[in-house]
């Protein structure tokens, strides 16, 4: 398999009889020849490899028929260039940092977005202190957010911290709470959305509810209505799985698309006049999906103490929320 075939989606391999007893890192190096064994060991240690849905160590000896699942980034062309971009750092110590990512910022360099990324800003701010476990293109980055989703992102300042934090994400022990503004009516105050998600059958860049697709993956999202407005709502969302575009797909499925979600909601912006019902007021208040990663709960990788951090709501969403409270109250 060539590295160009890899993506952020897991790739599954079945251990053949002739591969019995092979070390996990050697097994992966044999299948992914574009990656060094050292890099693959880092991916394993960071929790990016599962054996029959459980974590493993580089020296683990494989057995025939075992399922090995791995998530690998594309091979980077180079490390991100350090860029002096201001960062809103919510928390920082010698082991980790939490950054409040602004909307519109890409997390790591990719085709068409080689500058202005969070990775470049982190390189400038933390330099060699960043972990290298996720490869040179993703220094210190333990998880990611979509470009237009704002909010809290964990940054590892050592490979050991990265491995321990990544393991918590893999075990789904990290509690992630999002805040969303939605358009539409939710008939329940809280509910669990349990619907499988897969690639859209016609639009390959989109995801969709795919009950009959064997390649679809289970997805569960819990939501609770925080405030109701005339035609809108403010919602707290907790992810129980981590699928691509999960919140956006699930909320749209129950008739409450994330506000200004161009891809799933059919609207790319909202004006002040639309909220105030004044067609002459064309001031744009929001021009990106109204989704914010507000709170993270995890165990500190070194002190082992429970940590909870909260990212303040960005100005664009805060402005829309204030307008809804004043002009769309129920």
Protein backbone atom coordinates (compact mmCIF):
# COMPACT_ATOMS: atom_id res chain seq x y z
CA UNK A 1 0.00 0.00 0.00
CA UNK A 2 1.41 3.38 -0.94
CA UNK A 3 1.31 6.29 1.51
CA UNK A 4 -0.77 8.26 -0.97
CA UNK A 5 -3.65 5.87 -0.26
CA UNK A 6 -3.71 6.77 3.40
CA UNK A 7 -6.06 9.28 4.99
CA UNK A 8 -7.29 10.34 8.41
CA UNK A 9 -9.73 7.41 8.29
CA UNK A 10 -8.54 4.13 9.88
CA UNK A 11 -7.02 1.49 7.61
CA UNK A 12 -7.65 -2.13 8.66
CA UNK A 13 -5.24 -5.00 8.05
CA UNK A 14 -5.70 -8.72 8.82
CA UNK A 15 -2.68 -10.63 10.08
CA UNK A 16 -1.91 -13.44 7.64
CA UNK A 17 -0.76 -16.89 8.88
CA UNK A 18 2.77 -16.29 7.58
CA UNK A 19 2.94 -13.07 9.65
CA UNK A 20 2.33 -14.85 12.94
CA UNK A 21 4.80 -13.84 15.63
CA UNK A 22 5.91 -10.71 13.81
CA UNK A 23 6.39 -7.59 15.93
CA UNK A 24 3.68 -4.96 15.49
CA UNK A 25 6.12 -2.26 14.36
CA UNK A 26 7.77 -4.63 11.87
CA UNK A 27 4.37 -5.72 10.57
CA UNK A 28 3.34 -2.12 9.92
CA UNK A 29 6.70 -1.24 8.35
CA UNK A 30 6.20 -4.12 5.92
CA UNK A 31 2.76 -2.85 4.87
CA UNK A 32 3.52 0.88 4.91
CA UNK A 33 6.89 1.11 3.22
CA UNK A 34 6.74 4.89 2.89
CA UNK A 35 7.04 5.32 6.66
CA UNK A 36 10.09 4.76 8.82
CA UNK A 37 9.89 2.19 11.59
CA UNK A 38 10.73 4.96 14.08
CA UNK A 39 7.74 7.00 12.91
CA UNK A 40 5.47 3.95 13.11
CA UNK A 41 6.61 3.29 16.67
CA UNK A 42 5.62 6.86 17.55
CA UNK A 43 2.19 6.33 16.02
CA UNK A 44 1.74 3.12 18.03
CA UNK A 45 2.86 4.80 21.25
CA UNK A 46 0.55 7.75 20.58
CA UNK A 47 -2.44 5.41 20.42
CA UNK A 48 -2.92 5.48 16.65
CA UNK A 49 -2.94 1.66 16.32
CA UNK A 50 -5.53 -0.82 17.58
CA UNK A 51 -5.28 -4.62 17.67
CA UNK A 52 -8.75 -6.14 17.82
CA UNK A 53 -9.92 -2.71 19.03
CA UNK A 54 -7.34 -2.58 21.82
CA UNK A 55 -4.10 -0.69 22.04
CA UNK A 56 -0.74 -2.33 21.51
CA UNK A 57 2.98 -1.82 21.96
CA UNK A 58 5.65 -1.79 19.22
CA UNK A 59 7.08 -5.14 20.41
CA UNK A 60 3.71 -6.91 20.58
CA UNK A 61 3.81 -10.26 18.73
CA UNK A 62 0.87 -10.66 16.38
CA UNK A 63 -1.36 -13.71 15.90
CA UNK A 64 -3.04 -14.90 12.70
CA UNK A 65 -6.45 -13.40 12.03
CA UNK A 66 -6.00 -10.40 14.31
CA UNK A 67 -7.34 -7.08 13.02
CA UNK A 68 -4.87 -4.22 13.08
CA UNK A 69 -6.38 -0.75 12.65
CA UNK A 70 -4.14 2.24 12.06
CA UNK A 71 -4.63 5.94 11.42
CA UNK A 72 -1.74 7.63 9.62
CA UNK A 73 -1.36 11.10 8.16
CA UNK A 74 -0.10 11.55 4.64
CA UNK A 75 3.65 11.82 4.51
CA UNK A 76 4.40 15.52 5.02
CA UNK A 77 6.43 17.40 2.48
CA UNK A 78 8.09 19.33 5.32
CA UNK A 79 7.56 20.54 8.86
CA UNK A 80 5.35 23.62 9.15
CA UNK A 81 7.14 26.93 9.00
CA UNK A 82 7.01 28.80 12.33
CA UNK A 83 4.65 31.76 12.02
CA UNK A 84 4.16 34.57 14.50
CA UNK A 85 0.39 34.17 14.81
CA UNK A 86 -1.19 35.19 18.15
CA UNK A 87 -2.56 32.27 20.15
CA UNK A 88 -5.27 32.34 22.83
CA UNK A 89 -3.71 29.96 25.36
CA UNK A 90 -6.24 28.86 27.98
CA UNK A 91 -3.85 26.69 30.00
CA UNK A 92 -0.12 25.89 29.89
CA UNK A 93 2.41 23.97 31.95
CA UNK A 94 5.59 22.02 31.16
CA UNK A 95 3.68 19.05 29.76
CA UNK A 96 0.75 20.38 27.78
CA UNK A 97 -1.14 23.44 26.65
CA UNK A 98 -4.74 24.11 25.68
CA UNK A 99 -5.37 26.58 22.87
CA UNK A 100 -8.65 28.26 21.98
CA UNK A 101 -8.52 27.89 18.19
CA UNK A 102 -10.19 30.73 16.33
CA UNK A 103 -12.68 30.03 13.54
CA UNK A 104 -11.19 29.89 10.05
CA UNK A 105 -7.81 28.50 11.15
CA UNK A 106 -6.68 25.17 9.68
CA UNK A 107 -5.10 22.90 12.29
CA UNK A 108 -2.21 21.51 10.25
CA UNK A 109 -0.76 22.18 6.78
CA UNK A 110 -2.36 20.40 3.85
CA UNK A 111 -2.81 20.93 0.15
CA UNK A 112 -3.97 24.52 -0.39
CA UNK A 113 -3.28 25.50 3.24
CA UNK A 114 0.47 25.52 3.80
CA UNK A 115 0.50 28.73 5.87
CA UNK A 116 -1.59 30.39 8.55
CA UNK A 117 -2.14 27.10 10.37
CA UNK A 118 -2.32 26.27 14.05
CA UNK A 119 0.72 24.01 13.57
CA UNK A 120 2.78 26.95 12.28
CA UNK A 121 1.68 29.13 15.19
CA UNK A 122 2.57 26.36 17.65
CA UNK A 123 6.00 25.96 16.08
CA UNK A 124 6.68 29.66 16.65
CA UNK A 125 5.34 29.67 20.21
CA UNK A 126 6.71 26.37 21.56
CA UNK A 127 9.40 25.29 19.09
CA UNK A 128 11.31 22.15 20.05
CA UNK A 129 9.16 21.64 23.15
CA UNK A 130 6.36 20.24 20.99
CA UNK A 131 5.92 16.47 20.81
CA UNK A 132 6.90 14.73 17.57
CA UNK A 133 4.69 11.68 18.07
CA UNK A 134 2.22 12.62 15.32
CA UNK A 135 4.91 13.37 12.76
CA UNK A 136 6.59 16.59 11.64
CA UNK A 137 3.46 18.04 10.03
CA UNK A 138 1.47 17.87 13.27
CA UNK A 139 3.86 18.99 16.02
CA UNK A 140 2.21 18.67 19.42
CA UNK A 141 -1.27 18.19 17.97
CA UNK A 142 -3.19 15.44 19.78
CA UNK A 143 -6.57 15.90 18.05
CA UNK A 144 -8.12 18.28 15.54
CA UNK A 145 -11.08 20.50 14.78
CA UNK A 146 -12.59 21.44 11.44
CA UNK A 147 -11.36 24.70 9.95
CA UNK A 148 -14.53 26.63 10.79
CA UNK A 149 -15.07 25.05 14.20
CA UNK A 150 -13.58 27.11 17.02
CA UNK A 151 -12.58 26.03 20.49
CA UNK A 152 -10.30 24.05 22.76
CA UNK A 153 -7.45 21.95 21.35
CA UNK A 154 -4.97 19.98 23.46
CA UNK A 155 -1.28 20.41 22.62
CA UNK A 156 1.37 17.97 23.90
CA UNK A 157 4.77 19.33 24.93
CA UNK A 158 6.51 15.95 25.07
CA UNK A 159 6.16 12.58 23.35
CA UNK A 160 5.24 10.95 26.66
CA UNK A 161 2.45 13.45 27.30
CA UNK A 162 1.26 12.97 23.71
CA UNK A 163 1.09 9.20 24.12
CA UNK A 164 -0.87 9.41 27.37
CA UNK A 165 -3.30 12.03 26.04
CA UNK A 166 -3.80 10.15 22.76
CA UNK A 167 -4.57 7.00 24.74
CA UNK A 168 -7.32 8.86 26.58
CA UNK A 169 -8.85 9.94 23.28
CA UNK A 170 -8.59 6.38 21.96
CA UNK A 171 -10.31 5.04 25.08
CA UNK A 172 -12.96 7.78 24.76
CA UNK A 173 -12.29 8.87 28.33
CA UNK A 174 -11.81 12.51 27.29
CA UNK A 175 -15.09 14.38 27.74
CA UNK A 176 -15.67 16.84 24.89
CA UNK A 177 -18.54 19.30 25.13
CA UNK A 178 -19.46 21.43 22.13
CA UNK A 179 -21.78 24.42 21.93
CA UNK A 180 -23.84 24.94 18.78
CA UNK A 181 -26.43 27.36 17.50
CA UNK A 182 -28.94 25.53 15.33
CA UNK A 183 -31.75 26.53 13.03
CA UNK A 184 -34.96 24.55 13.32
CA UNK A 185 -36.98 22.95 16.09
CA UNK A 186 -35.82 20.18 18.39
CA UNK A 187 -38.88 18.41 19.80
CA UNK A 188 -36.96 17.06 22.81
CA UNK A 189 -35.01 18.87 25.49
CA UNK A 190 -32.29 16.22 25.34
CA UNK A 191 -31.71 13.05 23.39
CA UNK A 192 -29.15 10.53 22.19
CA UNK A 193 -28.73 10.35 18.42
CA UNK A 194 -27.52 6.86 17.53
CA UNK A 195 -27.13 6.66 13.76
CA UNK A 196 -24.27 5.20 11.67
CA UNK A 197 -22.27 7.60 9.53
CA UNK A 198 -20.55 6.88 6.24
CA UNK A 199 -19.47 8.63 3.08
CA UNK A 200 -22.32 10.25 1.16
CA UNK A 201 -23.30 8.00 -1.80
CA UNK A 202 -23.14 10.86 -4.32
CA UNK A 203 -21.07 13.65 -2.77
CA UNK A 204 -17.72 12.18 -1.72
CA UNK A 205 -16.73 15.23 0.34
CA UNK A 206 -19.76 14.81 2.59
CA UNK A 207 -20.84 12.31 5.20
CA UNK A 208 -24.35 10.98 5.67
CA UNK A 209 -26.52 8.65 7.75
CA UNK A 210 -25.89 5.25 6.14
CA UNK A 211 -27.88 2.52 7.88
CA UNK A 212 -27.51 -0.04 5.09
CA UNK A 213 -23.85 0.62 4.24
CA UNK A 214 -21.58 -2.07 5.74
CA UNK A 215 -18.69 0.41 5.65
CA UNK A 216 -20.56 2.97 7.79
CA UNK A 217 -19.34 3.38 11.36
CA UNK A 218 -21.46 3.58 14.48
CA UNK A 219 -21.89 7.13 15.79
CA UNK A 220 -23.54 8.45 18.94
CA UNK A 221 -24.17 12.07 19.86
CA UNK A 222 -25.91 13.35 22.99
CA UNK A 223 -27.45 16.80 22.89
CA UNK A 224 -29.22 19.01 25.41
CA UNK A 225 -31.09 22.19 24.55
CA UNK A 226 -29.61 25.06 26.56
CA UNK A 227 -31.94 27.81 25.25
CA UNK A 228 -34.83 27.94 22.79
CA UNK A 229 -35.62 30.80 20.45
CA UNK A 230 -38.16 31.43 17.72
CA UNK A 231 -36.78 29.27 14.89
CA UNK A 232 -33.41 28.66 16.56
CA UNK A 233 -31.85 26.97 19.58
CA UNK A 234 -28.61 26.90 21.56
CA UNK A 235 -27.47 23.34 22.15
CA UNK A 236 -24.85 21.59 24.26
CA UNK A 237 -23.42 18.53 22.53
CA UNK A 238 -21.36 15.64 23.88
CA UNK A 239 -19.61 13.24 21.50
CA UNK A 240 -19.61 9.57 22.44
CA UNK A 241 -17.80 8.63 19.22
CA UNK A 242 -15.59 10.69 16.94
CA UNK A 243 -16.69 10.44 13.32
CA UNK A 244 -16.01 12.95 10.58
CA UNK A 245 -18.58 15.81 10.69
CA UNK A 246 -20.53 13.81 13.29
CA UNK A 247 -22.26 16.69 15.10
CA UNK A 248 -23.19 18.43 11.88
CA UNK A 249 -24.60 15.29 10.26
CA UNK A 250 -26.51 14.15 13.35
CA UNK A 251 -28.08 17.52 14.18
CA UNK A 252 -29.12 18.01 10.56
CA UNK A 253 -30.65 14.52 10.64
CA UNK A 254 -32.98 15.47 13.51
CA UNK A 255 -34.07 18.67 11.80
CA UNK A 256 -31.81 21.20 13.52
CA UNK A 257 -28.84 21.93 11.25
CA UNK A 258 -25.93 23.87 12.69
CA UNK A 259 -26.47 27.53 11.80
CA UNK A 260 -24.48 28.68 8.75
CA UNK A 261 -23.30 25.16 7.94
CA UNK A 262 -22.88 25.56 4.20
CA UNK A 263 -22.34 21.83 3.60
CA UNK A 264 -25.18 20.32 5.61
CA UNK A 265 -27.54 23.20 6.35
CA UNK A 266 -27.65 24.99 3.01
CA UNK A 267 -26.90 28.41 4.52
CA UNK A 268 -23.46 30.01 4.63
CA UNK A 269 -24.18 33.21 6.57
CA UNK A 270 -26.78 35.04 8.60
CA UNK A 271 -27.43 38.77 8.77
CA UNK A 272 -28.66 40.88 11.64
CA UNK A 273 -31.77 41.66 9.62
CA UNK A 274 -32.68 37.98 9.34
CA UNK A 275 -32.75 37.70 13.12
CA UNK A 276 -34.51 41.03 13.64
CA UNK A 277 -36.86 40.42 10.67
CA UNK A 278 -35.62 43.61 9.04
CA UNK A 279 -34.80 43.02 5.33
CA UNK A 280 -32.99 46.36 5.08
CA UNK A 281 -30.33 45.36 7.65
CA UNK A 282 -27.73 43.37 5.75
CA UNK A 283 -24.96 43.35 8.35
CA UNK A 284 -23.44 39.84 8.35
CA UNK A 285 -23.10 38.50 11.90
CA UNK A 286 -21.87 35.00 11.17
CA UNK A 287 -20.29 33.45 8.07
CA UNK A 288 -19.20 30.01 9.28
CA UNK A 289 -20.76 27.04 11.05
CA UNK A 290 -21.86 28.00 14.56
CA UNK A 291 -19.99 25.20 16.31
CA UNK A 292 -17.57 25.67 19.20
CA UNK A 293 -15.56 23.11 21.20
CA UNK A 294 -16.29 24.66 24.57
CA UNK A 295 -15.07 22.25 27.23
CA UNK A 296 -12.51 19.45 27.64
CA UNK A 297 -12.21 17.11 30.62
CA UNK A 298 -9.22 14.78 30.83
CA UNK A 299 -6.58 13.37 33.17
CA UNK A 300 -3.31 15.28 33.31
CA UNK A 301 -0.65 12.96 31.81
CA UNK A 302 1.89 13.65 34.57
CA UNK A 303 0.06 14.65 37.75
CA UNK A 304 -2.85 12.29 36.99
CA UNK A 305 -5.23 14.89 38.35
CA UNK A 306 -8.58 15.53 36.62
CA UNK A 307 -8.43 18.62 34.40
CA UNK A 308 -11.28 20.71 33.03
CA UNK A 309 -10.74 23.62 30.67
CA UNK A 310 -13.28 25.87 28.99
CA UNK A 311 -12.82 27.96 25.86
CA UNK A 312 -14.78 31.24 25.82
CA UNK A 313 -17.34 31.63 23.05
CA UNK A 314 -15.89 33.53 20.04
CA UNK A 315 -17.21 36.98 19.22
CA UNK A 316 -19.24 35.96 16.15
CA UNK A 317 -21.26 33.29 17.97
CA UNK A 318 -21.60 35.46 21.09
CA UNK A 319 -23.04 38.28 18.98
CA UNK A 320 -25.60 36.00 17.32
CA UNK A 321 -26.57 34.54 20.69
CA UNK A 322 -27.14 38.03 22.11
CA UNK A 323 -29.29 38.96 19.10
CA UNK A 324 -31.37 35.80 19.45
CA UNK A 325 -31.95 36.48 23.12
CA UNK A 326 -33.13 40.01 22.40
CA UNK A 327 -35.16 39.51 19.22
CA UNK A 328 -36.11 35.83 19.06
CA UNK A 329 -37.05 34.99 22.64
CA UNK A 330 -39.92 32.56 23.29
